[in-house]
Amino acid sequence: MPISELGQRFRALPRDQALNVASSAGERSVKATCFQMFPGYEKVANMEDGVTEWGRKGFPGAGRCVIAGQQFGLLRSVVTFRKMLLN
């Protein structure tokens, strides 16, 4: 879901699942992560430094994912992303 639409469409995101939020540089996704935490989304992670830095470091490439009826590029390896967050 484009971050620009998050304000109007966040209720379409599941509250009972972990959500990984990413933007190209990480700045917009920080705002989106905070926005999601406010109304009760507790399992939300932000990708620090964004998708651009993720690719520059050689982490797995983008795949396709559907959320709220839209397709967009998303990281193929959520497990790797979570490990990166924990280290």
Protein backbone atom coordinates (compact mmCIF):
# COMPACT_ATOMS: atom_id res chain seq x y z
CA MET A 1 0.00 0.00 0.00
CA PRO A 2 1.52 3.35 -0.89
CA ILE A 3 2.38 5.36 2.22
CA SER A 4 0.44 8.30 0.76
CA GLU A 5 -2.76 6.23 1.11
CA LEU A 6 -2.06 4.88 4.59
CA GLY A 7 -4.15 7.50 6.40
CA GLN A 8 -7.30 6.55 4.53
CA ARG A 9 -6.70 2.79 4.24
CA PHE A 10 -4.84 1.64 7.37
CA ARG A 11 -7.88 -0.23 8.68
CA ALA A 12 -7.46 -2.69 5.79
CA LEU A 13 -4.16 -3.87 7.32
CA PRO A 14 -4.43 -6.85 9.70
CA ARG A 15 -3.79 -5.97 13.36
CA ASP A 16 -2.97 -9.57 14.30
CA GLN A 17 -0.02 -9.94 11.90
CA ALA A 18 3.47 -8.47 11.90
CA LEU A 19 3.81 -5.56 9.47
CA ASN A 20 7.12 -4.50 7.93
CA VAL A 21 7.05 -0.91 6.71
CA ALA A 22 9.57 0.30 4.13
CA SER A 23 10.18 3.34 1.97
CA SER A 24 13.05 4.20 -0.35
CA ALA A 25 15.13 6.02 2.30
CA GLY A 26 13.36 5.08 5.54
CA GLU A 27 12.05 8.54 6.48
CA ARG A 28 8.45 8.17 5.31
CA SER A 29 8.24 4.66 6.71
CA VAL A 30 9.19 5.91 10.20
CA LYS A 31 6.17 8.22 10.07
CA ALA A 32 3.98 5.40 8.80
CA THR A 33 5.23 3.06 11.54
CA CYS A 34 4.38 5.60 14.24
CA PHE A 35 0.97 6.16 12.66
CA GLN A 36 0.22 2.44 12.76
CA MET A 37 1.36 2.06 16.36
CA PHE A 38 -1.03 4.76 17.52
CA PRO A 39 -4.36 3.06 16.69
CA GLY A 40 -3.33 -0.29 18.18
CA TYR A 41 -1.01 -1.97 15.68
CA GLU A 42 1.55 -3.50 18.02
CA LYS A 43 3.59 -5.70 15.67
CA VAL A 44 5.04 -3.04 13.37
CA ALA A 45 8.68 -2.78 12.30
CA ASN A 46 10.33 -0.05 10.26
CA MET A 47 13.17 -0.79 7.86
CA GLU A 48 15.86 1.66 8.94
CA ASP A 49 17.57 3.39 5.98
CA GLY A 50 14.95 2.04 3.55
CA VAL A 51 14.81 -0.28 0.60
CA THR A 52 17.60 1.52 -1.25
CA GLU A 53 20.13 0.77 1.50
CA TRP A 54 18.80 -2.80 1.80
CA GLY A 55 19.63 -3.41 -1.87
CA ARG A 56 22.98 -1.63 -1.65
CA LYS A 57 24.03 -4.01 1.14
CA GLY A 58 23.23 -6.97 -1.09
CA PHE A 59 20.26 -8.35 0.84
CA PRO A 60 17.62 -10.37 -1.10
CA GLY A 61 15.83 -8.59 -3.94
CA ALA A 62 12.23 -7.55 -4.28
CA GLY A 63 9.31 -9.86 -4.92
CA ARG A 64 5.62 -9.16 -5.28
CA CYS A 65 3.06 -8.93 -2.53
CA VAL A 66 -0.60 -7.97 -2.36
CA ILE A 67 -1.89 -5.92 0.55
CA ALA A 68 -5.33 -4.35 0.56
CA GLY A 69 -5.81 -5.25 -3.09
CA GLN A 70 -2.67 -3.56 -4.45
CA GLN A 71 0.58 -5.05 -5.66
CA PHE A 72 3.90 -3.45 -4.82
CA GLY A 73 7.53 -4.46 -4.48
CA LEU A 74 8.25 -6.12 -1.13
CA LEU A 75 11.24 -7.88 0.34
CA ARG A 76 11.32 -11.56 -0.43
CA SER A 77 12.93 -12.55 2.86
CA VAL A 78 11.05 -11.31 5.92
CA VAL A 79 13.06 -13.70 8.10
CA THR A 80 16.32 -12.05 7.04
CA PHE A 81 14.78 -8.63 7.68
CA ARG A 82 13.72 -9.62 11.19
CA LYS A 83 17.16 -11.04 11.95
CA MET A 84 18.69 -7.75 10.79
CA LEU A 85 16.39 -5.85 13.17
CA LEU A 86 17.37 -8.05 16.12
CA ASN A 87 21.14 -7.69 15.57
